[in-house]
Amino acid sequence: MFIPRGTPHCFQNTGQDPARLVMFTPAGMERFFEGTAKLPPGPFDPQAYRAVAHSAWMEVVGKPLAEA
């Protein structure tokens, strides 16, 4: 799939196994996934999630899919 930079979109892993992503260009998006993997388990912390997204030059819009 191709999503142009700056396009609002969402994703969710609904399975039991970790998801795999193949490629992002330009690079940098891996920071987001590495950062979210380091978030502590427990209740969802929207501020921590937004901080991780910001570190990868992303802006979170809307609620998480699990809440939407």
C-alpha atoms as a PDB file:
ATOM      1  CA  MET A   1       0.000   0.000   0.000  1.00  0.00           C
ATOM      2  CA  PHE A   2       1.142   3.558  -0.584  1.00  0.00           C
ATOM      3  CA  ILE A   3       0.174   6.415   1.709  1.00  0.00           C
ATOM      4  CA  PRO A   4       1.513   9.828   0.704  1.00  0.00           C
ATOM      5  CA  ARG A   5       3.327  11.787   3.410  1.00  0.00           C
ATOM      6  CA  GLY A   6       1.003  13.968   5.455  1.00  0.00           C
ATOM      7  CA  THR A   7      -2.098  11.866   4.750  1.00  0.00           C
ATOM      8  CA  PRO A   8      -4.150  11.161   7.892  1.00  0.00           C
ATOM      9  CA  HIS A   9      -4.532   7.391   8.280  1.00  0.00           C
ATOM     10  CA  CYS A  10      -4.715   4.680  10.919  1.00  0.00           C
ATOM     11  CA  PHE A  11      -3.666   1.107  11.514  1.00  0.00           C
ATOM     12  CA  GLN A  12      -4.280  -1.599  14.079  1.00  0.00           C
ATOM     13  CA  ASN A  13      -2.869  -5.069  14.648  1.00  0.00           C
ATOM     14  CA  THR A  14      -5.905  -7.185  15.492  1.00  0.00           C
ATOM     15  CA  GLY A  15      -3.977 -10.453  15.671  1.00  0.00           C
ATOM     16  CA  GLN A  16      -2.160 -12.170  18.512  1.00  0.00           C
ATOM     17  CA  ASP A  17       1.272 -12.059  16.847  1.00  0.00           C
ATOM     18  CA  PRO A  18       3.473  -9.001  16.310  1.00  0.00           C
ATOM     19  CA  ALA A  19       2.820  -7.210  13.027  1.00  0.00           C
ATOM     20  CA  ARG A  20       5.493  -6.857  10.346  1.00  0.00           C
ATOM     21  CA  LEU A  21       5.982  -3.847   8.173  1.00  0.00           C
ATOM     22  CA  VAL A  22       8.165  -3.977   5.132  1.00  0.00           C
ATOM     23  CA  MET A  23       9.418  -0.529   4.167  1.00  0.00           C
ATOM     24  CA  PHE A  24       9.011   3.167   4.707  1.00  0.00           C
ATOM     25  CA  THR A  25      10.519   5.791   2.513  1.00  0.00           C
ATOM     26  CA  PRO A  26      11.910   8.189   3.409  1.00  0.00           C
ATOM     27  CA  ALA A  27      13.278   6.561   6.549  1.00  0.00           C
ATOM     28  CA  GLY A  28      12.321   7.668  10.037  1.00  0.00           C
ATOM     29  CA  MET A  29       9.010   5.932  10.625  1.00  0.00           C
ATOM     30  CA  GLU A  30      10.800   3.070  12.382  1.00  0.00           C
ATOM     31  CA  ARG A  31      11.307   5.456  15.320  1.00  0.00           C
ATOM     32  CA  PHE A  32       7.584   5.411  15.947  1.00  0.00           C
ATOM     33  CA  PHE A  33       7.363   1.619  16.115  1.00  0.00           C
ATOM     34  CA  GLU A  34      10.532   1.298  18.190  1.00  0.00           C
ATOM     35  CA  GLY A  35       9.181   3.923  20.591  1.00  0.00           C
ATOM     36  CA  THR A  36       5.748   2.357  20.954  1.00  0.00           C
ATOM     37  CA  ALA A  37       7.367  -1.025  21.625  1.00  0.00           C
ATOM     38  CA  LYS A  38       9.179   0.569  24.590  1.00  0.00           C
ATOM     39  CA  LEU A  39       6.031   2.008  26.170  1.00  0.00           C
ATOM     40  CA  PRO A  40       5.243   0.311  29.488  1.00  0.00           C
ATOM     41  CA  PRO A  41       2.428  -2.246  29.607  1.00  0.00           C
ATOM     42  CA  GLY A  42      -0.776  -1.226  31.293  1.00  0.00           C
ATOM     43  CA  PRO A  43      -3.418   1.372  30.563  1.00  0.00           C
ATOM     44  CA  PHE A  44      -3.024   3.404  27.396  1.00  0.00           C
ATOM     45  CA  ASP A  45      -1.222   6.704  28.024  1.00  0.00           C
ATOM     46  CA  PRO A  46      -2.226   9.145  25.266  1.00  0.00           C
ATOM     47  CA  GLN A  47       0.450  11.695  26.196  1.00  0.00           C
ATOM     48  CA  ALA A  48       3.264   9.115  26.032  1.00  0.00           C
ATOM     49  CA  TYR A  49       1.910   7.836  22.704  1.00  0.00           C
ATOM     50  CA  ARG A  50       1.763  11.339  21.261  1.00  0.00           C
ATOM     51  CA  ALA A  51       5.324  12.016  22.461  1.00  0.00           C
ATOM     52  CA  VAL A  52       6.558   8.905  20.643  1.00  0.00           C
ATOM     53  CA  ALA A  53       4.696   9.959  17.498  1.00  0.00           C
ATOM     54  CA  HIS A  54       6.142  13.471  17.721  1.00  0.00           C
ATOM     55  CA  SER A  55       9.668  12.009  17.913  1.00  0.00           C
ATOM     56  CA  ALA A  56       8.976  10.392  14.529  1.00  0.00           C
ATOM     57  CA  TRP A  57       7.613  13.621  12.982  1.00  0.00           C
ATOM     58  CA  MET A  58       4.006  12.444  13.261  1.00  0.00           C
ATOM     59  CA  GLU A  59       0.898  14.041  14.685  1.00  0.00           C
ATOM     60  CA  VAL A  60      -1.730  11.837  16.317  1.00  0.00           C
ATOM     61  CA  VAL A  61      -5.273  12.786  15.329  1.00  0.00           C
ATOM     62  CA  GLY A  62      -8.358  11.186  16.790  1.00  0.00           C
ATOM     63  CA  LYS A  63      -8.773   8.373  19.268  1.00  0.00           C
ATOM     64  CA  PRO A  64      -6.990   5.001  19.097  1.00  0.00           C
ATOM     65  CA  LEU A  65      -8.936   2.539  16.960  1.00  0.00           C
ATOM     66  CA  ALA A  66      -9.646   0.390  20.010  1.00  0.00           C
ATOM     67  CA  GLU A  67     -11.559   3.347  21.480  1.00  0.00           C
ATOM     68  CA  ALA A  68     -13.075   4.735  18.290  1.00  0.00           C
END
